[in-house]
N, C-alpha and C. Protein backbone atom coordinates (compact mmCIF):
# COMPACT_ATOMS: atom_id res chain seq x y z
N UNK A 1 67.42 203.23 83.83
CA UNK A 1 66.00 203.55 83.70
C UNK A 1 65.20 202.25 83.88
N UNK A 2 64.18 202.30 84.65
CA UNK A 2 63.29 201.15 84.81
C UNK A 2 62.10 201.32 83.86
N UNK A 3 61.22 200.32 83.87
CA UNK A 3 60.04 200.37 83.00
C UNK A 3 58.81 200.07 83.84
N UNK A 4 57.76 200.83 83.63
CA UNK A 4 56.53 200.63 84.38
C UNK A 4 55.73 199.50 83.74
N UNK A 5 55.69 198.33 84.40
CA UNK A 5 55.06 197.13 83.85
C UNK A 5 53.91 196.68 84.74
N UNK A 6 53.10 195.71 84.28
CA UNK A 6 52.04 195.17 85.15
C UNK A 6 52.59 194.53 86.42
N UNK A 7 53.87 194.17 86.40
CA UNK A 7 54.52 193.57 87.57
C UNK A 7 55.23 194.61 88.43
N UNK A 8 55.00 195.90 88.14
CA UNK A 8 55.65 196.97 88.87
C UNK A 8 56.79 197.59 88.08
N UNK A 9 57.41 198.61 88.64
CA UNK A 9 58.56 199.25 87.99
C UNK A 9 59.75 198.30 88.08
N UNK A 10 60.29 197.90 86.95
CA UNK A 10 61.36 196.93 86.99
C UNK A 10 62.24 197.02 85.75
N UNK A 11 63.38 196.36 85.81
CA UNK A 11 64.24 196.17 84.66
C UNK A 11 64.29 194.68 84.35
N UNK A 12 64.59 194.35 83.11
CA UNK A 12 64.70 192.95 82.73
C UNK A 12 66.02 192.38 83.22
N UNK A 13 66.02 191.10 83.53
CA UNK A 13 67.23 190.44 84.01
C UNK A 13 67.26 189.02 83.49
N UNK A 14 68.42 188.41 83.55
CA UNK A 14 68.57 187.01 83.20
C UNK A 14 68.19 186.71 81.76
N UNK A 15 67.54 185.58 81.56
CA UNK A 15 67.21 185.15 80.20
C UNK A 15 66.15 186.03 79.55
N UNK A 16 65.33 186.70 80.36
CA UNK A 16 64.35 187.64 79.80
C UNK A 16 65.09 188.82 79.16
N UNK A 17 66.13 189.31 79.83
CA UNK A 17 66.95 190.38 79.26
C UNK A 17 67.71 189.89 78.03
N UNK A 18 68.28 188.68 78.12
CA UNK A 18 69.01 188.12 76.97
C UNK A 18 68.12 188.05 75.73
N UNK A 19 66.89 187.61 75.93
CA UNK A 19 65.95 187.49 74.81
C UNK A 19 65.67 188.85 74.19
N UNK A 20 65.38 189.84 75.02
CA UNK A 20 65.03 191.16 74.49
C UNK A 20 66.23 191.80 73.79
N UNK A 21 67.41 191.68 74.38
CA UNK A 21 68.62 192.23 73.75
C UNK A 21 68.86 191.59 72.40
N UNK A 22 68.81 190.25 72.36
CA UNK A 22 69.05 189.53 71.10
C UNK A 22 68.04 189.95 70.04
N UNK A 23 66.77 190.05 70.43
CA UNK A 23 65.73 190.42 69.47
C UNK A 23 65.96 191.83 68.93
N UNK A 24 66.30 192.77 69.81
CA UNK A 24 66.52 194.15 69.37
C UNK A 24 67.76 194.25 68.49
N UNK A 25 68.82 193.55 68.86
CA UNK A 25 70.05 193.62 68.07
C UNK A 25 69.85 193.04 66.67
N UNK A 26 69.18 191.89 66.58
CA UNK A 26 68.93 191.29 65.27
C UNK A 26 67.92 192.11 64.46
N UNK A 27 66.96 192.67 65.15
CA UNK A 27 65.99 193.57 64.51
C UNK A 27 66.70 194.80 63.96
N UNK A 28 67.62 195.36 64.73
CA UNK A 28 68.37 196.53 64.27
C UNK A 28 69.18 196.20 63.01
N UNK A 29 69.73 194.97 62.96
CA UNK A 29 70.48 194.54 61.78
C UNK A 29 69.57 194.54 60.55
N UNK A 30 68.37 193.97 60.70
CA UNK A 30 67.46 193.91 59.57
C UNK A 30 66.95 195.30 59.18
N UNK A 31 66.73 196.15 60.17
CA UNK A 31 66.33 197.52 59.86
C UNK A 31 67.42 198.22 59.05
N UNK A 32 68.65 197.98 59.44
CA UNK A 32 69.79 198.60 58.75
C UNK A 32 69.90 198.07 57.31
N UNK A 33 69.70 196.74 57.15
CA UNK A 33 69.84 196.12 55.84
C UNK A 33 68.68 196.48 54.91
N UNK A 34 67.45 196.37 55.43
CA UNK A 34 66.28 196.55 54.58
C UNK A 34 65.77 197.98 54.54
N UNK A 35 66.16 198.79 55.52
CA UNK A 35 65.75 200.19 55.53
C UNK A 35 64.24 200.34 55.52
N UNK A 36 63.73 201.22 54.70
CA UNK A 36 62.30 201.48 54.67
C UNK A 36 61.50 200.36 54.01
N UNK A 37 62.21 199.31 53.51
CA UNK A 37 61.53 198.12 52.99
C UNK A 37 61.37 197.06 54.07
N UNK A 38 61.71 197.42 55.31
CA UNK A 38 61.65 196.45 56.41
C UNK A 38 60.25 195.88 56.59
N UNK A 39 59.22 196.65 56.34
CA UNK A 39 57.84 196.19 56.55
C UNK A 39 57.49 194.99 55.68
N UNK A 40 58.28 194.79 54.61
CA UNK A 40 58.03 193.64 53.75
C UNK A 40 58.29 192.32 54.48
N UNK A 41 59.05 192.36 55.59
CA UNK A 41 59.30 191.16 56.38
C UNK A 41 58.06 190.74 57.15
N UNK A 42 57.10 191.66 57.31
CA UNK A 42 55.86 191.33 57.98
C UNK A 42 55.82 191.67 59.45
N UNK A 43 56.86 192.33 59.96
CA UNK A 43 56.89 192.68 61.38
C UNK A 43 56.16 194.01 61.59
N UNK A 44 54.93 193.93 62.06
CA UNK A 44 54.10 195.10 62.31
C UNK A 44 53.63 195.08 63.76
N UNK A 45 53.43 196.26 64.32
CA UNK A 45 52.98 196.35 65.71
C UNK A 45 51.47 196.56 65.83
N UNK A 46 50.84 197.00 64.76
CA UNK A 46 49.43 197.37 64.83
C UNK A 46 49.22 198.82 65.19
N UNK A 47 50.31 199.56 65.39
CA UNK A 47 50.21 200.99 65.66
C UNK A 47 50.59 201.73 64.37
N UNK A 48 49.63 202.35 63.69
CA UNK A 48 49.91 202.93 62.37
C UNK A 48 51.02 203.98 62.39
N UNK A 49 51.07 204.81 63.41
CA UNK A 49 52.07 205.87 63.44
C UNK A 49 53.48 205.29 63.57
N UNK A 50 53.64 204.33 64.48
CA UNK A 50 54.96 203.73 64.64
C UNK A 50 55.34 202.90 63.41
N UNK A 51 54.40 202.13 62.89
CA UNK A 51 54.73 201.25 61.77
C UNK A 51 55.14 202.02 60.52
N UNK A 52 54.70 203.27 60.39
CA UNK A 52 55.06 204.08 59.23
C UNK A 52 56.22 205.04 59.53
N UNK A 53 56.81 204.92 60.71
CA UNK A 53 57.96 205.76 61.06
C UNK A 53 59.16 205.36 60.20
N UNK A 54 60.13 206.25 60.11
CA UNK A 54 61.33 205.96 59.32
C UNK A 54 62.20 204.94 60.05
N UNK A 55 63.13 204.35 59.31
CA UNK A 55 64.09 203.42 59.91
C UNK A 55 64.87 204.12 61.02
N UNK A 56 65.30 205.34 60.77
CA UNK A 56 66.05 206.10 61.78
C UNK A 56 65.24 206.26 63.06
N UNK A 57 63.97 206.60 62.91
CA UNK A 57 63.11 206.81 64.08
C UNK A 57 62.93 205.50 64.86
N UNK A 58 62.74 204.40 64.15
CA UNK A 58 62.58 203.12 64.81
C UNK A 58 63.83 202.72 65.58
N UNK A 59 64.99 202.90 64.98
CA UNK A 59 66.25 202.57 65.66
C UNK A 59 66.40 203.41 66.93
N UNK A 60 66.09 204.68 66.82
CA UNK A 60 66.23 205.59 67.96
C UNK A 60 65.30 205.16 69.10
N UNK A 61 64.05 204.85 68.76
CA UNK A 61 63.08 204.45 69.78
C UNK A 61 63.43 203.08 70.37
N UNK A 62 63.92 202.17 69.55
CA UNK A 62 64.32 200.85 70.06
C UNK A 62 65.45 200.98 71.06
N UNK A 63 66.39 201.86 70.79
CA UNK A 63 67.49 202.07 71.73
C UNK A 63 66.98 202.66 73.04
N UNK A 64 66.06 203.61 72.95
CA UNK A 64 65.45 204.17 74.17
C UNK A 64 64.79 203.07 74.99
N UNK A 65 64.05 202.19 74.32
CA UNK A 65 63.34 201.12 75.03
C UNK A 65 64.32 200.13 75.64
N UNK A 66 65.36 199.78 74.90
CA UNK A 66 66.34 198.82 75.41
C UNK A 66 67.03 199.37 76.65
N UNK A 67 67.42 200.64 76.60
CA UNK A 67 68.06 201.27 77.76
C UNK A 67 67.10 201.32 78.94
N UNK A 68 65.84 201.65 78.67
CA UNK A 68 64.85 201.78 79.74
C UNK A 68 64.60 200.44 80.43
N UNK A 69 64.63 199.37 79.66
CA UNK A 69 64.32 198.06 80.22
C UNK A 69 65.52 197.38 80.87
N UNK A 70 66.71 197.95 80.70
CA UNK A 70 67.91 197.29 81.24
C UNK A 70 68.68 198.12 82.26
N UNK A 71 68.50 199.43 82.25
CA UNK A 71 69.27 200.31 83.13
C UNK A 71 68.38 200.86 84.23
N UNK A 72 68.60 200.43 85.45
CA UNK A 72 67.71 200.81 86.55
C UNK A 72 68.08 202.14 87.19
N UNK A 73 69.07 202.83 86.67
CA UNK A 73 69.56 204.05 87.32
C UNK A 73 68.64 205.25 87.11
N UNK A 74 67.76 205.21 86.13
CA UNK A 74 66.92 206.36 85.79
C UNK A 74 65.45 205.97 85.98
N UNK A 75 64.61 206.87 86.45
CA UNK A 75 63.18 206.57 86.65
C UNK A 75 62.50 206.14 85.36
N UNK A 76 61.38 205.42 85.47
CA UNK A 76 60.66 204.96 84.27
C UNK A 76 60.22 206.13 83.40
N UNK A 77 60.29 205.98 82.08
CA UNK A 77 59.85 207.06 81.19
C UNK A 77 58.33 207.12 81.14
N UNK A 78 57.76 208.29 80.85
CA UNK A 78 56.30 208.36 80.64
C UNK A 78 55.93 207.51 79.42
N UNK A 79 54.97 206.63 79.57
CA UNK A 79 54.61 205.73 78.48
C UNK A 79 53.66 206.40 77.50
N UNK A 80 53.92 206.18 76.23
CA UNK A 80 53.03 206.63 75.16
C UNK A 80 52.72 205.43 74.27
N UNK A 81 51.72 205.58 73.41
CA UNK A 81 51.38 204.47 72.51
C UNK A 81 52.52 204.18 71.55
N UNK A 82 53.32 205.20 71.20
CA UNK A 82 54.44 205.00 70.29
C UNK A 82 55.56 204.22 70.99
N UNK A 83 55.84 204.57 72.24
CA UNK A 83 56.91 203.89 72.97
C UNK A 83 56.54 202.43 73.25
N UNK A 84 55.27 202.19 73.58
CA UNK A 84 54.85 200.81 73.81
C UNK A 84 54.86 199.99 72.51
N UNK A 85 54.54 200.63 71.40
CA UNK A 85 54.64 199.94 70.11
C UNK A 85 56.08 199.57 69.81
N UNK A 86 57.00 200.47 70.16
CA UNK A 86 58.42 200.20 69.94
C UNK A 86 58.88 199.00 70.76
N UNK A 87 58.38 198.87 71.99
CA UNK A 87 58.72 197.72 72.82
C UNK A 87 58.14 196.44 72.24
N UNK A 88 56.96 196.55 71.65
CA UNK A 88 56.32 195.36 71.10
C UNK A 88 56.99 194.86 69.82
N UNK A 89 57.61 195.76 69.04
CA UNK A 89 58.17 195.38 67.75
C UNK A 89 59.15 194.20 67.85
N UNK A 90 60.09 194.16 68.81
CA UNK A 90 60.99 193.00 68.88
C UNK A 90 60.24 191.68 69.06
N UNK A 91 59.12 191.70 69.75
CA UNK A 91 58.34 190.47 69.93
C UNK A 91 57.60 190.09 68.64
N UNK A 92 57.09 191.09 67.93
CA UNK A 92 56.48 190.82 66.62
C UNK A 92 57.53 190.24 65.68
N UNK A 93 58.74 190.75 65.78
CA UNK A 93 59.86 190.26 64.96
C UNK A 93 60.19 188.81 65.32
N UNK A 94 60.18 188.48 66.62
CA UNK A 94 60.45 187.11 67.04
C UNK A 94 59.43 186.14 66.47
N UNK A 95 58.17 186.55 66.44
CA UNK A 95 57.14 185.68 65.87
C UNK A 95 57.43 185.36 64.41
N UNK A 96 57.81 186.38 63.65
CA UNK A 96 58.11 186.20 62.23
C UNK A 96 59.32 185.29 62.05
N UNK A 97 60.35 185.49 62.87
CA UNK A 97 61.56 184.68 62.74
C UNK A 97 61.34 183.24 63.17
N UNK A 98 60.53 183.02 64.20
CA UNK A 98 60.21 181.65 64.60
C UNK A 98 59.40 180.96 63.50
N UNK A 99 58.45 181.68 62.93
CA UNK A 99 57.66 181.11 61.84
C UNK A 99 58.55 180.71 60.67
N UNK A 100 59.50 181.56 60.32
CA UNK A 100 60.43 181.24 59.22
C UNK A 100 61.31 180.05 59.58
N UNK A 101 61.76 180.01 60.83
CA UNK A 101 62.60 178.92 61.32
C UNK A 101 61.87 177.58 61.22
N UNK A 102 60.61 177.57 61.66
CA UNK A 102 59.79 176.35 61.61
C UNK A 102 59.49 175.95 60.17
N UNK A 103 59.12 176.90 59.34
CA UNK A 103 58.79 176.58 57.94
C UNK A 103 60.00 176.01 57.21
N UNK A 104 61.17 176.55 57.51
CA UNK A 104 62.40 176.02 56.89
C UNK A 104 62.61 174.56 57.29
N UNK A 105 62.38 174.27 58.55
CA UNK A 105 62.53 172.90 59.03
C UNK A 105 61.51 171.96 58.40
N UNK A 106 60.25 172.40 58.33
CA UNK A 106 59.20 171.55 57.80
C UNK A 106 59.36 171.31 56.29
N UNK A 107 60.03 172.22 55.63
CA UNK A 107 60.30 172.04 54.19
C UNK A 107 61.44 171.08 53.93
N UNK A 108 62.07 170.61 55.02
CA UNK A 108 63.16 169.65 54.88
C UNK A 108 64.54 170.26 54.79
N UNK A 109 64.61 171.59 54.90
CA UNK A 109 65.92 172.26 54.86
C UNK A 109 66.49 172.30 56.27
N UNK A 110 66.93 171.15 56.75
CA UNK A 110 67.31 171.01 58.15
C UNK A 110 68.80 171.28 58.33
N UNK A 111 69.11 172.25 59.17
CA UNK A 111 70.49 172.57 59.51
C UNK A 111 70.97 171.57 60.55
N UNK A 112 72.10 170.94 60.30
CA UNK A 112 72.61 169.95 61.24
C UNK A 112 73.11 170.58 62.54
N UNK A 113 73.42 171.86 62.50
CA UNK A 113 73.84 172.58 63.71
C UNK A 113 72.60 173.04 64.46
N UNK A 114 72.31 172.42 65.60
CA UNK A 114 71.09 172.75 66.33
C UNK A 114 71.09 174.18 66.84
N UNK A 115 72.27 174.77 67.02
CA UNK A 115 72.32 176.16 67.48
C UNK A 115 71.71 177.09 66.44
N UNK A 116 71.85 176.75 65.18
CA UNK A 116 71.24 177.54 64.11
C UNK A 116 69.80 177.11 63.86
N UNK A 117 69.58 175.82 63.88
CA UNK A 117 68.26 175.26 63.58
C UNK A 117 67.18 175.75 64.54
N UNK A 118 67.54 175.86 65.83
CA UNK A 118 66.58 176.26 66.85
C UNK A 118 66.95 177.61 67.49
N UNK A 119 67.61 178.46 66.73
CA UNK A 119 68.18 179.69 67.31
C UNK A 119 67.14 180.53 68.03
N UNK A 120 66.10 180.93 67.33
CA UNK A 120 65.10 181.82 67.93
C UNK A 120 64.24 181.08 68.95
N UNK A 121 63.89 179.84 68.63
CA UNK A 121 63.08 179.08 69.58
C UNK A 121 63.82 178.83 70.89
N UNK A 122 65.13 178.66 70.82
CA UNK A 122 65.92 178.44 72.04
C UNK A 122 65.88 179.64 72.97
N UNK A 123 66.06 180.83 72.41
CA UNK A 123 66.02 182.06 73.22
C UNK A 123 64.65 182.24 73.87
N UNK A 124 63.60 182.07 73.07
CA UNK A 124 62.25 182.30 73.57
C UNK A 124 61.88 181.25 74.62
N UNK A 125 62.17 180.00 74.34
CA UNK A 125 61.78 178.93 75.25
C UNK A 125 62.51 179.04 76.59
N UNK A 126 63.79 179.39 76.57
CA UNK A 126 64.54 179.53 77.81
C UNK A 126 63.98 180.65 78.67
N UNK A 127 63.67 181.79 78.06
CA UNK A 127 63.08 182.91 78.82
C UNK A 127 61.72 182.52 79.37
N UNK A 128 60.95 181.79 78.58
CA UNK A 128 59.62 181.36 79.03
C UNK A 128 59.73 180.38 80.20
N UNK A 129 60.65 179.44 80.12
CA UNK A 129 60.85 178.50 81.21
C UNK A 129 61.22 179.23 82.51
N UNK A 130 62.12 180.19 82.39
CA UNK A 130 62.66 180.85 83.58
C UNK A 130 61.72 181.86 84.19
N UNK A 131 60.90 182.53 83.36
CA UNK A 131 60.14 183.67 83.86
C UNK A 131 58.62 183.52 83.81
N UNK A 132 58.13 182.52 83.09
CA UNK A 132 56.68 182.29 83.05
C UNK A 132 56.34 180.94 83.66
N UNK A 133 56.95 179.88 83.17
CA UNK A 133 56.64 178.55 83.70
C UNK A 133 57.02 178.41 85.17
N UNK A 134 58.04 179.13 85.59
CA UNK A 134 58.47 179.03 87.00
C UNK A 134 57.38 179.53 87.95
N UNK A 135 56.52 180.43 87.46
CA UNK A 135 55.42 180.95 88.28
C UNK A 135 54.06 180.44 87.80
N UNK A 136 54.08 179.51 86.91
CA UNK A 136 52.86 179.08 86.22
C UNK A 136 52.09 178.10 87.08
N UNK A 137 50.81 178.40 87.31
CA UNK A 137 49.96 177.50 88.07
C UNK A 137 48.88 176.88 87.18
N UNK A 138 48.21 177.73 86.42
CA UNK A 138 47.18 177.22 85.51
C UNK A 138 47.14 178.11 84.29
N UNK A 139 47.10 177.52 83.10
CA UNK A 139 47.10 178.33 81.88
C UNK A 139 45.82 179.12 81.73
N UNK A 140 45.92 180.27 81.11
CA UNK A 140 44.76 181.11 80.87
C UNK A 140 44.06 180.69 79.58
N UNK A 141 43.98 179.39 79.37
CA UNK A 141 43.38 178.82 78.17
C UNK A 141 42.70 177.53 78.56
N UNK A 142 42.06 176.88 77.60
CA UNK A 142 41.27 175.70 77.92
C UNK A 142 42.13 174.58 78.52
N UNK A 143 41.52 173.78 79.36
CA UNK A 143 42.22 172.71 80.05
C UNK A 143 42.82 171.72 79.04
N UNK A 144 44.02 171.24 79.37
CA UNK A 144 44.74 170.26 78.56
C UNK A 144 45.24 170.82 77.23
N UNK A 145 45.20 172.16 77.08
CA UNK A 145 45.72 172.73 75.84
C UNK A 145 47.22 172.50 75.72
N UNK A 146 47.90 172.70 76.85
CA UNK A 146 49.35 172.52 76.87
C UNK A 146 49.69 171.05 77.11
N UNK A 147 50.65 170.56 76.37
CA UNK A 147 51.26 169.27 76.65
C UNK A 147 52.71 169.55 77.02
N UNK A 148 52.87 170.16 78.20
CA UNK A 148 54.17 170.71 78.56
C UNK A 148 55.27 169.66 78.65
N UNK A 149 54.92 168.44 78.99
CA UNK A 149 55.94 167.43 79.14
C UNK A 149 56.60 167.09 77.80
N UNK A 150 55.86 167.26 76.71
CA UNK A 150 56.42 166.94 75.41
C UNK A 150 56.85 168.19 74.63
N UNK A 151 56.60 169.36 75.18
CA UNK A 151 56.92 170.60 74.47
C UNK A 151 58.32 171.07 74.85
N UNK A 152 59.13 171.44 73.86
CA UNK A 152 60.44 172.03 74.13
C UNK A 152 60.82 172.92 72.95
N UNK A 153 62.06 173.35 72.92
CA UNK A 153 62.49 174.29 71.90
C UNK A 153 62.45 173.71 70.49
N UNK A 154 62.32 172.40 70.37
CA UNK A 154 62.27 171.77 69.05
C UNK A 154 60.86 171.75 68.45
N UNK A 155 59.87 172.20 69.19
CA UNK A 155 58.49 172.14 68.72
C UNK A 155 58.30 172.97 67.45
N UNK A 156 57.45 172.44 66.56
CA UNK A 156 57.10 173.18 65.34
C UNK A 156 55.65 173.67 65.40
N UNK A 157 55.06 173.65 66.58
CA UNK A 157 53.67 174.09 66.74
C UNK A 157 53.62 175.61 66.86
N UNK A 158 53.28 176.28 65.78
CA UNK A 158 53.31 177.75 65.76
C UNK A 158 52.23 178.36 66.64
N UNK A 159 51.13 177.66 66.85
CA UNK A 159 50.09 178.16 67.75
C UNK A 159 50.64 178.28 69.17
N UNK A 160 51.39 177.29 69.61
CA UNK A 160 51.99 177.34 70.93
C UNK A 160 53.02 178.46 71.03
N UNK A 161 53.83 178.59 69.98
CA UNK A 161 54.86 179.64 70.01
C UNK A 161 54.24 181.03 70.06
N UNK A 162 53.11 181.21 69.40
CA UNK A 162 52.39 182.49 69.45
C UNK A 162 51.99 182.81 70.89
N UNK A 163 51.46 181.81 71.60
CA UNK A 163 51.05 182.01 72.99
C UNK A 163 52.25 182.31 73.88
N UNK A 164 53.33 181.60 73.66
CA UNK A 164 54.52 181.77 74.47
C UNK A 164 55.08 183.19 74.33
N UNK A 165 55.19 183.68 73.09
CA UNK A 165 55.71 185.03 72.88
C UNK A 165 54.77 186.06 73.50
N UNK A 166 53.46 185.88 73.33
CA UNK A 166 52.52 186.83 73.90
C UNK A 166 52.58 186.84 75.43
N UNK A 167 52.79 185.68 76.05
CA UNK A 167 52.93 185.64 77.51
C UNK A 167 54.14 186.45 77.96
N UNK A 168 55.22 186.42 77.20
CA UNK A 168 56.40 187.21 77.53
C UNK A 168 56.13 188.70 77.32
N UNK A 169 55.35 189.03 76.28
CA UNK A 169 54.95 190.42 76.06
C UNK A 169 54.16 190.94 77.25
N UNK A 170 53.23 190.13 77.76
CA UNK A 170 52.35 190.56 78.84
C UNK A 170 53.12 190.91 80.11
N UNK A 171 54.29 190.33 80.30
CA UNK A 171 55.10 190.65 81.48
C UNK A 171 55.60 192.10 81.44
N UNK A 172 55.65 192.68 80.24
CA UNK A 172 56.14 194.05 80.09
C UNK A 172 55.01 195.03 79.80
N UNK A 173 54.11 194.65 78.90
CA UNK A 173 53.10 195.58 78.41
C UNK A 173 51.69 195.29 78.89
N UNK A 174 51.48 194.17 79.56
CA UNK A 174 50.13 193.82 79.94
C UNK A 174 49.38 193.21 78.78
N UNK A 175 48.08 192.94 78.99
CA UNK A 175 47.30 192.21 78.00
C UNK A 175 46.37 193.08 77.16
N UNK A 176 46.28 194.37 77.45
CA UNK A 176 45.25 195.18 76.80
C UNK A 176 45.63 195.66 75.41
N UNK A 177 46.92 195.62 75.05
CA UNK A 177 47.38 196.05 73.73
C UNK A 177 46.89 197.45 73.39
N UNK A 178 47.03 198.36 74.34
CA UNK A 178 46.47 199.69 74.13
C UNK A 178 47.23 200.50 73.08
N UNK A 179 48.47 200.10 72.74
CA UNK A 179 49.21 200.82 71.71
C UNK A 179 48.57 200.65 70.33
N UNK A 180 47.66 199.65 70.20
CA UNK A 180 46.96 199.45 68.93
C UNK A 180 45.63 200.21 68.88
N UNK A 181 45.36 201.01 69.89
CA UNK A 181 44.02 201.54 70.09
C UNK A 181 43.50 202.36 68.91
N UNK A 182 44.35 203.13 68.29
CA UNK A 182 43.87 203.97 67.19
C UNK A 182 43.53 203.15 65.95
N UNK A 183 44.10 201.94 65.87
CA UNK A 183 43.78 201.07 64.74
C UNK A 183 42.56 200.21 65.05
N UNK A 184 42.42 199.76 66.31
CA UNK A 184 41.31 198.89 66.70
C UNK A 184 39.99 199.65 66.70
N UNK A 185 39.98 200.81 67.36
CA UNK A 185 38.76 201.62 67.44
C UNK A 185 39.16 203.06 67.72
N UNK A 186 39.28 203.88 66.68
CA UNK A 186 39.71 205.27 66.85
C UNK A 186 38.87 206.05 67.85
N UNK A 187 37.61 205.67 68.05
CA UNK A 187 36.76 206.42 68.98
C UNK A 187 37.25 206.31 70.42
N UNK A 188 38.01 205.26 70.73
CA UNK A 188 38.53 205.09 72.09
C UNK A 188 39.66 206.07 72.39
N UNK A 189 40.17 206.70 71.34
CA UNK A 189 41.30 207.60 71.53
C UNK A 189 40.89 209.02 71.91
N UNK A 190 39.59 209.25 72.11
CA UNK A 190 39.17 210.61 72.44
C UNK A 190 39.36 210.94 73.92
N UNK A 191 39.74 209.91 74.71
CA UNK A 191 40.05 210.14 76.12
C UNK A 191 38.86 210.19 77.05
N UNK A 192 37.64 210.19 76.50
CA UNK A 192 36.45 210.31 77.35
C UNK A 192 35.73 208.99 77.55
N UNK A 193 36.04 208.02 76.73
CA UNK A 193 35.38 206.72 76.80
C UNK A 193 35.76 206.01 78.11
N UNK A 194 34.82 205.30 78.71
CA UNK A 194 35.09 204.58 79.96
C UNK A 194 36.27 203.64 79.83
N UNK A 195 36.33 202.93 78.70
CA UNK A 195 37.45 201.99 78.49
C UNK A 195 38.76 202.76 78.41
N UNK A 196 38.73 203.91 77.74
CA UNK A 196 39.94 204.73 77.63
C UNK A 196 40.45 205.12 79.01
N UNK A 197 39.54 205.50 79.87
CA UNK A 197 39.92 205.93 81.23
C UNK A 197 40.53 204.76 82.00
N UNK A 198 39.89 203.59 81.91
CA UNK A 198 40.38 202.42 82.63
C UNK A 198 41.76 201.98 82.15
N UNK A 199 42.00 202.14 80.86
CA UNK A 199 43.28 201.71 80.29
C UNK A 199 44.37 202.77 80.41
N UNK A 200 44.04 203.93 80.93
CA UNK A 200 45.03 204.99 81.06
C UNK A 200 45.38 205.65 79.75
N UNK A 201 44.41 205.70 78.82
CA UNK A 201 44.65 206.32 77.52
C UNK A 201 44.35 207.81 77.64
N UNK A 202 45.33 208.54 78.08
CA UNK A 202 45.21 209.97 78.30
C UNK A 202 45.77 210.74 77.11
N UNK A 203 45.64 212.07 77.17
CA UNK A 203 46.23 212.89 76.11
C UNK A 203 47.74 212.69 76.05
N UNK A 204 48.37 212.58 77.21
CA UNK A 204 49.82 212.36 77.24
C UNK A 204 50.19 211.03 76.59
N UNK A 205 49.38 209.99 76.87
CA UNK A 205 49.66 208.68 76.29
C UNK A 205 49.53 208.72 74.77
N UNK A 206 48.64 209.55 74.26
CA UNK A 206 48.37 209.60 72.83
C UNK A 206 49.22 210.62 72.08
N UNK A 207 50.26 211.12 72.73
CA UNK A 207 51.15 212.05 72.04
C UNK A 207 51.66 211.41 70.75
N UNK A 208 51.60 212.17 69.65
CA UNK A 208 51.88 211.60 68.34
C UNK A 208 53.21 212.01 67.74
N UNK A 209 53.94 212.89 68.37
CA UNK A 209 55.17 213.37 67.75
C UNK A 209 56.33 212.45 68.08
N UNK A 210 56.98 211.92 67.06
CA UNK A 210 58.16 211.08 67.25
C UNK A 210 59.42 211.96 67.21
N UNK A 211 59.44 212.90 66.32
CA UNK A 211 60.60 213.78 66.22
C UNK A 211 61.54 213.35 65.11
N UNK A 212 62.30 214.31 64.62
CA UNK A 212 63.26 214.04 63.55
C UNK A 212 64.47 213.32 64.14
N UNK A 213 64.93 212.27 63.47
CA UNK A 213 66.13 211.54 63.88
C UNK A 213 67.13 211.62 62.73
N UNK A 214 68.26 212.24 62.99
CA UNK A 214 69.28 212.43 61.95
C UNK A 214 70.08 211.15 61.74
N UNK A 215 70.90 211.15 60.69
CA UNK A 215 71.78 210.01 60.42
C UNK A 215 72.70 209.74 61.61
N UNK A 216 73.27 210.81 62.16
CA UNK A 216 74.19 210.65 63.29
C UNK A 216 73.47 210.08 64.51
N UNK A 217 72.26 210.53 64.76
CA UNK A 217 71.49 210.02 65.89
C UNK A 217 71.16 208.53 65.71
N UNK A 218 70.81 208.15 64.48
CA UNK A 218 70.49 206.74 64.19
C UNK A 218 71.72 205.87 64.33
N UNK A 219 72.87 206.35 63.83
CA UNK A 219 74.11 205.58 63.96
C UNK A 219 74.50 205.40 65.42
N UNK A 220 74.34 206.47 66.20
CA UNK A 220 74.66 206.38 67.63
C UNK A 220 73.75 205.38 68.33
N UNK A 221 72.46 205.38 67.97
CA UNK A 221 71.51 204.43 68.55
C UNK A 221 71.88 203.01 68.19
N UNK A 222 72.27 202.80 66.94
CA UNK A 222 72.67 201.46 66.47
C UNK A 222 73.87 200.96 67.26
N UNK A 223 74.86 201.84 67.47
CA UNK A 223 76.04 201.45 68.25
C UNK A 223 75.67 201.11 69.69
N UNK A 224 74.81 201.93 70.28
CA UNK A 224 74.39 201.68 71.67
C UNK A 224 73.66 200.34 71.80
N UNK A 225 72.84 200.03 70.84
CA UNK A 225 72.09 198.77 70.86
C UNK A 225 73.04 197.58 70.89
N UNK A 226 74.14 197.68 70.16
CA UNK A 226 75.07 196.55 70.05
C UNK A 226 76.13 196.52 71.14
N UNK A 227 76.05 197.43 72.08
CA UNK A 227 76.99 197.40 73.21
C UNK A 227 76.56 196.44 74.31
N UNK A 228 75.29 196.03 74.28
CA UNK A 228 74.81 195.10 75.30
C UNK A 228 75.25 193.68 74.96
N UNK A 229 75.70 192.95 75.99
CA UNK A 229 76.12 191.57 75.77
C UNK A 229 75.06 190.62 76.32
N UNK A 230 75.07 189.39 75.81
CA UNK A 230 74.07 188.41 76.20
C UNK A 230 74.73 187.06 76.47
N UNK A 231 73.99 186.19 77.17
CA UNK A 231 74.35 184.80 77.33
C UNK A 231 73.42 183.99 76.44
N UNK A 232 73.98 183.20 75.55
CA UNK A 232 73.14 182.41 74.65
C UNK A 232 72.74 181.12 75.35
N UNK A 233 71.51 180.63 75.10
CA UNK A 233 70.96 179.51 75.86
C UNK A 233 71.79 178.23 75.82
N UNK A 234 72.46 177.96 74.68
CA UNK A 234 73.14 176.66 74.55
C UNK A 234 74.53 176.65 75.17
N UNK A 235 74.96 177.76 75.77
CA UNK A 235 76.27 177.77 76.44
C UNK A 235 76.14 177.59 77.93
N UNK A 236 74.91 177.55 78.45
CA UNK A 236 74.69 177.43 79.89
C UNK A 236 74.53 175.98 80.32
């Protein structure tokens, strides 16, 4: 299954795929461990319906998204605000984990093993180098904001990491964040607003039913998520 992105219908490959797989697999672990207390970690998408879904429902949707973004054999699925929120959750999770990684370092709790110390930053930075910086001509921010020559996976600048993760999100979901629409301005969800029309916020996109996910369905989704293999950045 491919995914309909701003860059066209495509599947993820290379380090971009490695990053998304790693994020979903680690996210699935935390969902399994914390269950319905997962929201206490702070990973929210801004979509109220998805954020209040059960752990089972989130696992099921994450597996659907992972398959859609990696398996090109099936046509792209119809996009809804719930499905796009599910795709965004791994990136929201990465932001939280990078923040925790940096705060641990700044507090002086430094792991001598760099593979652990820079685990999340390494995955994100490698994908960014390969898929954003390789095509990068001018930043969409004020001049001289980036000091790219001195920036690498060891950086503790959380403002930069926020931008980097969002740039990777934009390659899949675009910049409009329409999955947050019901939280940002519920009036845009009526389908008649000019902005709604331009963003493709149709009745189909606003479908609200997630569906019941049984224990067996959630376990199957969890197993499927962990069947994908990855290349870790420090082995290349």
